[in-house]
Each structure stands twice: as structure tokens, then as C-alpha cells.
Amino acid sequence: MSSITPELYDLIVKLVDDRVKGINVEREVLDKLVIKVDQLVEAQKRTEERLKLESQCRTEKRLEQPAETQEKT
């Protein structure tokens, strides 16, 4: 069985180290992206709730208008 040269060994170690560093960076980016997506989901929920409340308020006002008109007549 043949062995590899120290230079080849060093090159292999460097290549593997570089790949591992790249994977760690990609993982950090992915983790940040997950956090941002979670924040967007929460913001979307708040927006939908606010729009729902605003819509309910507008509906209530529209329902009150005919009743107010009838009271005046």
C-alpha cells in the first residue's frame, strides 16, 4: 500500500478545511435567513390581524349609518 506525500496530505487537509469553513458560513447564512423568515411570518400575522380589525370597524360603521338615518326620519 502506498502512502501519500506530506505535500499532498497538506493539500488535502487544506481543501477539507476550506470546504468545512464554507459549510459553516452557509449554515450561518441559513440560520439568519430562518430568523428573518420567522420575523416576516410574525409581521404578516400582525398585518392580517390589523386588516381584519380595520375591516370589522368599517363594516360596523356601514351598518350603523342606515340605523342613524332611520332614527333621523
PDB file of N, CA and C in Angstrom:
ATOM      1  N   MET A   1       0.851  -1.170   0.000  1.00  0.00           N
ATOM      2  CA  MET A   1       0.000   0.000   0.000  1.00  0.00           C
ATOM      3  C   MET A   1       0.894   1.230   0.000  1.00  0.00           C
ATOM      4  N   SER A   2       0.616   2.174  -0.882  1.00  0.00           N
ATOM      5  CA  SER A   2       1.455   3.359  -0.963  1.00  0.00           C
ATOM      6  C   SER A   2       0.909   4.451  -0.063  1.00  0.00           C
ATOM      7  N   SER A   3       1.788   5.281   0.425  1.00  0.00           N
ATOM      8  CA  SER A   3       1.369   6.394   1.279  1.00  0.00           C
ATOM      9  C   SER A   3       1.465   7.686   0.486  1.00  0.00           C
ATOM     10  N   ILE A   4       0.781   8.687   0.985  1.00  0.00           N
ATOM     11  CA  ILE A   4       0.803   9.971   0.278  1.00  0.00           C
ATOM     12  C   ILE A   4       1.946  10.822   0.822  1.00  0.00           C
ATOM     13  N   THR A   5       2.339  11.749   0.008  1.00  0.00           N
ATOM     14  CA  THR A   5       3.438  12.632   0.394  1.00  0.00           C
ATOM     15  C   THR A   5       2.934  13.667   1.392  1.00  0.00           C
ATOM     16  N   PRO A   6       3.810  14.232   2.192  1.00  0.00           N
ATOM     17  CA  PRO A   6       3.393  15.294   3.130  1.00  0.00           C
ATOM     18  C   PRO A   6       2.759  16.479   2.407  1.00  0.00           C
ATOM     19  N   GLU A   7       3.254  16.806   1.226  1.00  0.00           N
ATOM     20  CA  GLU A   7       2.681  17.924   0.471  1.00  0.00           C
ATOM     21  C   GLU A   7       1.242  17.622   0.047  1.00  0.00           C
ATOM     22  N   LEU A   8       1.022  16.403  -0.413  1.00  0.00           N
ATOM     23  CA  LEU A   8      -0.322  16.008  -0.818  1.00  0.00           C
ATOM     24  C   LEU A   8      -1.251  15.965   0.392  1.00  0.00           C
ATOM     25  N   TYR A   9      -0.745  15.463   1.495  1.00  0.00           N
ATOM     26  CA  TYR A   9      -1.531  15.421   2.735  1.00  0.00           C
ATOM     27  C   TYR A   9      -1.937  16.838   3.146  1.00  0.00           C
ATOM     28  N   ASP A  10      -0.977  17.771   3.135  1.00  0.00           N
ATOM     29  CA  ASP A  10      -1.268  19.163   3.499  1.00  0.00           C
ATOM     30  C   ASP A  10      -2.313  19.771   2.564  1.00  0.00           C
ATOM     31  N   LEU A  11      -2.201  19.454   1.291  1.00  0.00           N
ATOM     32  CA  LEU A  11      -3.170  19.967   0.323  1.00  0.00           C
ATOM     33  C   LEU A  11      -4.566  19.421   0.605  1.00  0.00           C
ATOM     34  N   ILE A  12      -4.651  18.147   0.883  1.00  0.00           N
ATOM     35  CA  ILE A  12      -5.953  17.534   1.194  1.00  0.00           C
ATOM     36  C   ILE A  12      -6.542  18.151   2.452  1.00  0.00           C
ATOM     37  N   VAL A  13      -5.728  18.324   3.476  1.00  0.00           N
ATOM     38  CA  VAL A  13      -6.205  18.934   4.728  1.00  0.00           C
ATOM     39  C   VAL A  13      -6.707  20.351   4.462  1.00  0.00           C
ATOM     40  N   LYS A  14      -5.972  21.119   3.677  1.00  0.00           N
ATOM     41  CA  LYS A  14      -6.388  22.489   3.360  1.00  0.00           C
ATOM     42  C   LYS A  14      -7.714  22.493   2.602  1.00  0.00           C
ATOM     43  N   LEU A  15      -7.846  21.615   1.626  1.00  0.00           N
ATOM     44  CA  LEU A  15      -9.095  21.552   0.855  1.00  0.00           C
ATOM     45  C   LEU A  15     -10.285  21.193   1.748  1.00  0.00           C
ATOM     46  N   VAL A  16     -10.082  20.224   2.628  1.00  0.00           N
ATOM     47  CA  VAL A  16     -11.168  19.824   3.528  1.00  0.00           C
ATOM     48  C   VAL A  16     -11.500  20.967   4.489  1.00  0.00           C
ATOM     49  N   ASP A  17     -10.469  21.621   5.033  1.00  0.00           N
ATOM     50  CA  ASP A  17     -10.702  22.752   5.934  1.00  0.00           C
ATOM     51  C   ASP A  17     -11.480  23.865   5.231  1.00  0.00           C
ATOM     52  N   ASP A  18     -11.100  24.162   4.000  1.00  0.00           N
ATOM     53  CA  ASP A  18     -11.793  25.200   3.236  1.00  0.00           C
ATOM     54  C   ASP A  18     -13.261  24.838   3.029  1.00  0.00           C
ATOM     55  N   ARG A  19     -13.520  23.582   2.706  1.00  0.00           N
ATOM     56  CA  ARG A  19     -14.906  23.144   2.498  1.00  0.00           C
ATOM     57  C   ARG A  19     -15.720  23.243   3.791  1.00  0.00           C
ATOM     58  N   VAL A  20     -15.116  22.840   4.895  1.00  0.00           N
ATOM     59  CA  VAL A  20     -15.808  22.900   6.187  1.00  0.00           C
ATOM     60  C   VAL A  20     -16.112  24.347   6.547  1.00  0.00           C
ATOM     61  N   LYS A  21     -15.168  25.246   6.320  1.00  0.00           N
ATOM     62  CA  LYS A  21     -15.410  26.670   6.590  1.00  0.00           C
ATOM     63  C   LYS A  21     -16.550  27.182   5.725  1.00  0.00           C
ATOM     64  N   GLY A  22     -16.555  26.767   4.461  1.00  0.00           N
ATOM     65  CA  GLY A  22     -17.633  27.177   3.566  1.00  0.00           C
ATOM     66  C   GLY A  22     -18.980  26.675   4.039  1.00  0.00           C
ATOM     67  N   ILE A  23     -19.018  25.454   4.519  1.00  0.00           N
ATOM     68  CA  ILE A  23     -20.267  24.890   5.038  1.00  0.00           C
ATOM     69  C   ILE A  23     -20.717  25.658   6.274  1.00  0.00           C
ATOM     70  N   ASN A  24     -19.782  26.004   7.146  1.00  0.00           N
ATOM     71  CA  ASN A  24     -20.134  26.764   8.352  1.00  0.00           C
ATOM     72  C   ASN A  24     -20.695  28.129   7.995  1.00  0.00           C
ATOM     73  N   VAL A  25     -20.105  28.786   6.997  1.00  0.00           N
ATOM     74  CA  VAL A  25     -20.603  30.089   6.558  1.00  0.00           C
ATOM     75  C   VAL A  25     -22.004  29.929   5.985  1.00  0.00           C
ATOM     76  N   GLU A  26     -22.207  28.900   5.154  1.00  0.00           N
ATOM     77  CA  GLU A  26     -23.528  28.667   4.587  1.00  0.00           C
ATOM     78  C   GLU A  26     -24.546  28.398   5.687  1.00  0.00           C
ATOM     79  N   ARG A  27     -24.155  27.686   6.721  1.00  0.00           N
ATOM     80  CA  ARG A  27     -25.049  27.394   7.838  1.00  0.00           C
ATOM     81  C   ARG A  27     -25.416  28.678   8.579  1.00  0.00           C
ATOM     82  N   GLU A  28     -24.432  29.559   8.778  1.00  0.00           N
ATOM     83  CA  GLU A  28     -24.710  30.834   9.442  1.00  0.00           C
ATOM     84  C   GLU A  28     -25.697  31.664   8.624  1.00  0.00           C
ATOM     85  N   VAL A  29     -25.497  31.689   7.319  1.00  0.00           N
ATOM     86  CA  VAL A  29     -26.408  32.427   6.438  1.00  0.00           C
ATOM     87  C   VAL A  29     -27.803  31.812   6.506  1.00  0.00           C
ATOM     88  N   LEU A  30     -27.875  30.502   6.492  1.00  0.00           N
ATOM     89  CA  LEU A  30     -29.158  29.818   6.573  1.00  0.00           C
ATOM     90  C   LEU A  30     -29.854  30.121   7.900  1.00  0.00           C
ATOM     91  N   ASP A  31     -29.105  30.098   8.992  1.00  0.00           N
ATOM     92  CA  ASP A  31     -29.685  30.405  10.303  1.00  0.00           C
ATOM     93  C   ASP A  31     -30.250  31.823  10.326  1.00  0.00           C
ATOM     94  N   LYS A  32     -29.511  32.775   9.755  1.00  0.00           N
ATOM     95  CA  LYS A  32     -30.001  34.166   9.703  1.00  0.00           C
ATOM     96  C   LYS A  32     -31.249  34.262   8.836  1.00  0.00           C
ATOM     97  N   LEU A  33     -31.257  33.523   7.754  1.00  0.00           N
ATOM     98  CA  LEU A  33     -32.410  33.534   6.863  1.00  0.00           C
ATOM     99  C   LEU A  33     -33.646  32.974   7.564  1.00  0.00           C
ATOM    100  N   VAL A  34     -33.466  31.911   8.326  1.00  0.00           N
ATOM    101  CA  VAL A  34     -34.581  31.327   9.070  1.00  0.00           C
ATOM    102  C   VAL A  34     -35.146  32.345  10.061  1.00  0.00           C
ATOM    103  N   ILE A  35     -34.272  33.068  10.738  1.00  0.00           N
ATOM    104  CA  ILE A  35     -34.711  34.093  11.686  1.00  0.00           C
ATOM    105  C   ILE A  35     -35.515  35.173  10.966  1.00  0.00           C
ATOM    106  N   LYS A  36     -35.023  35.620   9.824  1.00  0.00           N
ATOM    107  CA  LYS A  36     -35.725  36.656   9.059  1.00  0.00           C
ATOM    108  C   LYS A  36     -37.081  36.162   8.570  1.00  0.00           C
ATOM    109  N   VAL A  37     -37.150  34.931   8.116  1.00  0.00           N
ATOM    110  CA  VAL A  37     -38.429  34.376   7.659  1.00  0.00           C
ATOM    111  C   VAL A  37     -39.413  34.317   8.831  1.00  0.00           C
ATOM    112  N   ASP A  38     -38.939  33.898   9.999  1.00  0.00           N
ATOM    113  CA  ASP A  38     -39.802  33.871  11.183  1.00  0.00           C
ATOM    114  C   ASP A  38     -40.313  35.272  11.511  1.00  0.00           C
ATOM    115  N   GLN A  39     -39.444  36.272  11.398  1.00  0.00           N
ATOM    116  CA  GLN A  39     -39.861  37.651  11.659  1.00  0.00           C
ATOM    117  C   GLN A  39     -40.902  38.100  10.641  1.00  0.00           C
ATOM    118  N   LEU A  40     -40.707  37.728   9.391  1.00  0.00           N
ATOM    119  CA  LEU A  40     -41.680  38.082   8.359  1.00  0.00           C
ATOM    120  C   LEU A  40     -43.031  37.415   8.603  1.00  0.00           C
ATOM    121  N   VAL A  41     -43.007  36.171   9.038  1.00  0.00           N
ATOM    122  CA  VAL A  41     -44.252  35.456   9.336  1.00  0.00           C
ATOM    123  C   VAL A  41     -45.002  36.178  10.459  1.00  0.00           C
ATOM    124  N   GLU A  42     -44.287  36.575  11.500  1.00  0.00           N
ATOM    125  CA  GLU A  42     -44.925  37.287  12.606  1.00  0.00           C
ATOM    126  C   GLU A  42     -45.475  38.638  12.152  1.00  0.00           C
ATOM    127  N   ALA A  43     -44.713  39.343  11.333  1.00  0.00           N
ATOM    128  CA  ALA A  43     -45.183  40.630  10.816  1.00  0.00           C
ATOM    129  C   ALA A  43     -46.429  40.442   9.949  1.00  0.00           C
ATOM    130  N   GLN A  44     -46.440  39.389   9.157  1.00  0.00           N
ATOM    131  CA  GLN A  44     -47.601  39.097   8.314  1.00  0.00           C
ATOM    132  C   GLN A  44     -48.827  38.815   9.173  1.00  0.00           C
ATOM    133  N   LYS A  45     -48.649  38.054  10.245  1.00  0.00           N
ATOM    134  CA  LYS A  45     -49.772  37.762  11.149  1.00  0.00           C
ATOM    135  C   LYS A  45     -50.322  39.050  11.750  1.00  0.00           C
ATOM    136  N   ARG A  46     -49.418  39.938  12.185  1.00  0.00           N
ATOM    137  CA  ARG A  46     -49.872  41.208  12.775  1.00  0.00           C
ATOM    138  C   ARG A  46     -50.611  42.050  11.745  1.00  0.00           C
ATOM    139  N   THR A  47     -50.096  42.069  10.526  1.00  0.00           N
ATOM    140  CA  THR A  47     -50.734  42.840   9.461  1.00  0.00           C
ATOM    141  C   THR A  47     -52.119  42.289   9.156  1.00  0.00           C
ATOM    142  N   GLU A  48     -52.227  40.982   9.059  1.00  0.00           N
ATOM    143  CA  GLU A  48     -53.530  40.374   8.780  1.00  0.00           C
ATOM    144  C   GLU A  48     -54.519  40.660   9.901  1.00  0.00           C
ATOM    145  N   GLU A  49     -54.067  40.603  11.140  1.00  0.00           N
ATOM    146  CA  GLU A  49     -54.950  40.883  12.276  1.00  0.00           C
ATOM    147  C   GLU A  49     -55.411  42.343  12.246  1.00  0.00           C
ATOM    148  N   ARG A  50     -54.472  43.250  11.959  1.00  0.00           N
ATOM    149  CA  ARG A  50     -54.826  44.672  11.897  1.00  0.00           C
ATOM    150  C   ARG A  50     -55.822  44.929  10.770  1.00  0.00           C
ATOM    151  N   LEU A  51     -55.592  44.309   9.605  1.00  0.00           N
ATOM    152  CA  LEU A  51     -56.518  44.492   8.486  1.00  0.00           C
ATOM    153  C   LEU A  51     -57.900  43.931   8.809  1.00  0.00           C
ATOM    154  N   LYS A  52     -57.921  42.814   9.520  1.00  0.00           N
ATOM    155  CA  LYS A  52     -59.190  42.210   9.911  1.00  0.00           C
ATOM    156  C   LYS A  52     -59.957  43.151  10.842  1.00  0.00           C
ATOM    157  N   LEU A  53     -59.251  43.737  11.808  1.00  0.00           N
ATOM    158  CA  LEU A  53     -59.898  44.665  12.727  1.00  0.00           C
ATOM    159  C   LEU A  53     -60.397  45.914  12.011  1.00  0.00           C
ATOM    160  N   GLU A  54     -59.580  46.438  11.096  1.00  0.00           N
ATOM    161  CA  GLU A  54     -59.996  47.612  10.334  1.00  0.00           C
ATOM    162  C   GLU A  54     -61.221  47.308   9.485  1.00  0.00           C
ATOM    163  N   SER A  55     -61.236  46.131   8.901  1.00  0.00           N
ATOM    164  CA  SER A  55     -62.382  45.735   8.082  1.00  0.00           C
ATOM    165  C   SER A  55     -63.643  45.616   8.935  1.00  0.00           C
ATOM    166  N   GLN A  56     -63.494  45.044  10.118  1.00  0.00           N
ATOM    167  CA  GLN A  56     -64.642  44.924  11.023  1.00  0.00           C
ATOM    168  C   GLN A  56     -65.159  46.304  11.428  1.00  0.00           C
ATOM    169  N   CYS A  57     -64.249  47.233  11.682  1.00  0.00           N
ATOM    170  CA  CYS A  57     -64.660  48.589  12.057  1.00  0.00           C
ATOM    171  C   CYS A  57     -65.418  49.259  10.920  1.00  0.00           C
ATOM    172  N   ARG A  58     -64.915  49.114   9.701  1.00  0.00           N
ATOM    173  CA  ARG A  58     -65.610  49.710   8.554  1.00  0.00           C
ATOM    174  C   ARG A  58     -66.988  49.088   8.364  1.00  0.00           C
ATOM    175  N   THR A  59     -67.081  47.784   8.546  1.00  0.00           N
ATOM    176  CA  THR A  59     -68.367  47.104   8.404  1.00  0.00           C
ATOM    177  C   THR A  59     -69.342  47.602   9.465  1.00  0.00           C
ATOM    178  N   GLU A  60     -68.874  47.723  10.693  1.00  0.00           N
ATOM    179  CA  GLU A  60     -69.744  48.211  11.769  1.00  0.00           C
ATOM    180  C   GLU A  60     -70.228  49.624  11.486  1.00  0.00           C
ATOM    181  N   LYS A  61     -69.345  50.473  10.971  1.00  0.00           N
ATOM    182  CA  LYS A  61     -69.745  51.851  10.650  1.00  0.00           C
ATOM    183  C   LYS A  61     -70.799  51.866   9.555  1.00  0.00           C
ATOM    184  N   ARG A  62     -70.622  51.013   8.542  1.00  0.00           N
ATOM    185  CA  ARG A  62     -71.607  50.955   7.453  1.00  0.00           C
ATOM    186  C   ARG A  62     -72.955  50.458   7.968  1.00  0.00           C
ATOM    187  N   LEU A  63     -72.908  49.524   8.920  1.00  0.00           N
ATOM    188  CA  LEU A  63     -74.168  49.023   9.471  1.00  0.00           C
ATOM    189  C   LEU A  63     -74.845  50.065  10.353  1.00  0.00           C
ATOM    190  N   GLU A  64     -74.062  50.905  10.997  1.00  0.00           N
ATOM    191  CA  GLU A  64     -74.621  51.932  11.870  1.00  0.00           C
ATOM    192  C   GLU A  64     -75.235  53.084  11.078  1.00  0.00           C
ATOM    193  N   GLN A  65     -74.706  53.378   9.902  1.00  0.00           N
ATOM    194  CA  GLN A  65     -75.192  54.510   9.111  1.00  0.00           C
ATOM    195  C   GLN A  65     -76.675  54.401   8.765  1.00  0.00           C
ATOM    196  N   PRO A  66     -77.152  53.268   8.252  1.00  0.00           N
ATOM    197  CA  PRO A  66     -78.595  53.196   7.960  1.00  0.00           C
ATOM    198  C   PRO A  66     -79.442  53.333   9.237  1.00  0.00           C
ATOM    199  N   ALA A  67     -78.963  52.795  10.334  1.00  0.00           N
ATOM    200  CA  ALA A  67     -79.713  52.912  11.584  1.00  0.00           C
ATOM    201  C   ALA A  67     -79.790  54.370  12.032  1.00  0.00           C
ATOM    202  N   GLU A  68     -78.725  55.110  11.879  1.00  0.00           N
ATOM    203  CA  GLU A  68     -78.721  56.537  12.236  1.00  0.00           C
ATOM    204  C   GLU A  68     -79.647  57.326  11.314  1.00  0.00           C
ATOM    205  N   THR A  69     -79.660  56.968  10.046  1.00  0.00           N
ATOM    206  CA  THR A  69     -80.523  57.644   9.077  1.00  0.00           C
ATOM    207  C   THR A  69     -81.985  57.384   9.420  1.00  0.00           C
ATOM    208  N   GLN A  70     -82.309  56.161   9.794  1.00  0.00           N
ATOM    209  CA  GLN A  70     -83.685  55.837  10.148  1.00  0.00           C
ATOM    210  C   GLN A  70     -84.104  56.588  11.403  1.00  0.00           C
ATOM    211  N   GLU A  71     -83.213  56.753  12.358  1.00  0.00           N
ATOM    212  CA  GLU A  71     -83.555  57.461  13.590  1.00  0.00           C
ATOM    213  C   GLU A  71     -83.855  58.931  13.308  1.00  0.00           C
ATOM    214  N   LYS A  72     -83.211  59.514  12.324  1.00  0.00           N
ATOM    215  CA  LYS A  72     -83.423  60.909  11.984  1.00  0.00           C
ATOM    216  C   LYS A  72     -84.762  61.131  11.283  1.00  0.00           C
ATOM    217  N   THR A  73     -85.255  60.079  10.625  1.00  0.00           N
ATOM    218  CA  THR A  73     -86.507  60.251   9.880  1.00  0.00           C
ATOM    219  C   THR A  73     -87.708  59.882  10.675  1.00  0.00           C
TER     220      THR A  73
END
